[in-house]
Amino acid sequence: MYERFGRDELIQEPEIPEEGESLWAAFWLLNRRRPQGMNGPQPLTYAEIASWSHLTGEILLREEITIITDMDDAYLDALAKEREAQRVANEKPKA
């Protein structure tokens, strides 16, 4: 069923500990508004995080900002690996 998307099965979302749920939610809210470039999504900036924090009233500690930017780095790395795997899968062998 998931072959259409290049997957054998549905990927299970990670289990998030209760203490991390607010940061997980914040990351996905920020992700929805991230800038897009010619090569896909761009990294979240400190300015975007600060703006979001100011506009929503969600106060973030320095450590929490670091966690969000680490999550963003991991997200972008995973996307890059997925795009590369798709590119390789779509390459036609030379005859």
Protein backbone atom coordinates (compact mmCIF):
# COMPACT_ATOMS: atom_id res chain seq x y z
CA MET A 1 0.00 0.00 0.00
CA TYR A 2 2.84 2.43 0.78
CA GLU A 3 4.84 1.52 -2.34
CA ARG A 4 3.41 4.63 -3.99
CA PHE A 5 5.48 6.64 -1.52
CA GLY A 6 8.55 4.42 -1.86
CA ARG A 7 7.95 2.71 1.48
CA ASP A 8 7.13 -0.84 2.46
CA GLU A 9 5.19 0.21 5.53
CA LEU A 10 3.94 3.22 7.42
CA ILE A 11 6.68 4.85 9.46
CA GLN A 12 5.83 4.97 13.13
CA GLU A 13 6.22 8.32 14.82
CA PRO A 14 8.63 8.28 17.73
CA GLU A 15 7.21 8.06 21.21
CA ILE A 16 7.72 11.45 22.85
CA PRO A 17 8.10 11.61 26.63
CA GLU A 18 5.56 13.82 28.35
CA GLU A 19 8.32 16.29 29.30
CA GLY A 20 9.17 16.81 25.62
CA GLU A 21 5.67 17.12 24.19
CA SER A 22 5.60 20.93 24.28
CA LEU A 23 8.92 21.19 22.41
CA TRP A 24 7.78 18.56 19.91
CA ALA A 25 4.61 20.58 19.27
CA ALA A 26 6.59 23.84 19.03
CA PHE A 27 8.96 22.32 16.47
CA TRP A 28 6.10 21.18 14.23
CA LEU A 29 4.35 24.54 14.49
CA LEU A 30 7.59 26.29 13.50
CA ASN A 31 8.16 23.73 10.76
CA ARG A 32 4.87 24.64 9.08
CA ARG A 33 6.14 28.21 8.58
CA ARG A 34 9.77 27.51 7.68
CA PRO A 35 11.16 29.22 4.58
CA GLN A 36 11.57 27.18 1.42
CA GLY A 37 14.48 27.60 -0.97
CA MET A 38 15.33 26.18 -4.36
CA ASN A 39 16.76 23.09 -2.65
CA GLY A 40 13.85 22.58 -0.29
CA PRO A 41 13.26 23.61 3.30
CA GLN A 42 15.70 26.02 4.91
CA PRO A 43 16.89 25.77 8.53
CA LEU A 44 14.81 27.49 11.17
CA THR A 45 16.50 30.70 12.25
CA TYR A 46 16.83 32.13 15.73
CA ALA A 47 14.86 35.14 14.49
CA GLU A 48 11.95 32.90 13.44
CA ILE A 49 12.02 31.08 16.77
CA ALA A 50 12.16 34.39 18.68
CA SER A 51 9.29 35.81 16.62
CA TRP A 52 7.19 32.71 17.19
CA SER A 53 7.94 32.86 20.92
CA HIS A 54 7.01 36.54 21.08
CA LEU A 55 3.81 36.17 19.03
CA THR A 56 2.55 33.09 20.85
CA GLY A 57 3.68 34.05 24.34
CA GLU A 58 5.54 30.73 24.62
CA ILE A 59 8.69 31.51 26.59
CA LEU A 60 11.60 29.25 25.69
CA LEU A 61 14.72 28.67 27.74
CA ARG A 62 18.11 28.67 26.00
CA GLU A 63 18.27 24.93 26.44
CA GLU A 64 14.87 24.51 24.81
CA ILE A 65 15.94 26.62 21.83
CA THR A 66 18.99 24.38 21.49
CA ILE A 67 16.75 21.31 21.55
CA ILE A 68 14.51 22.79 18.83
CA THR A 69 17.49 23.67 16.62
CA ASP A 70 18.94 20.17 17.17
CA MET A 71 15.56 18.70 16.17
CA ASP A 72 15.62 20.91 13.08
CA ASP A 73 19.12 19.74 12.14
CA ALA A 74 18.02 16.11 12.48
CA TYR A 75 14.87 16.78 10.45
CA LEU A 76 16.82 18.43 7.62
CA ASP A 77 19.41 15.61 7.66
CA ALA A 78 16.63 13.01 7.39
CA LEU A 79 15.04 14.91 4.49
CA ALA A 80 18.38 15.11 2.67
CA LYS A 81 18.94 11.36 3.09
CA GLU A 82 15.42 10.64 1.87
CA ARG A 83 15.87 12.87 -1.20
CA GLU A 84 19.20 11.20 -1.98
CA ALA A 85 17.66 7.73 -1.66
CA GLN A 86 14.84 8.77 -4.02
CA ARG A 87 17.35 10.22 -6.49
CA VAL A 88 19.38 6.99 -6.49
CA ALA A 89 16.23 4.87 -6.84
CA ASN A 90 15.09 6.96 -9.80
CA GLU A 91 18.43 6.79 -11.63
CA LYS A 92 18.24 4.67 -14.71
CA PRO A 93 21.09 2.24 -15.27
CA LYS A 94 23.23 3.07 -18.30
CA ALA A 95 23.03 0.46 -21.02
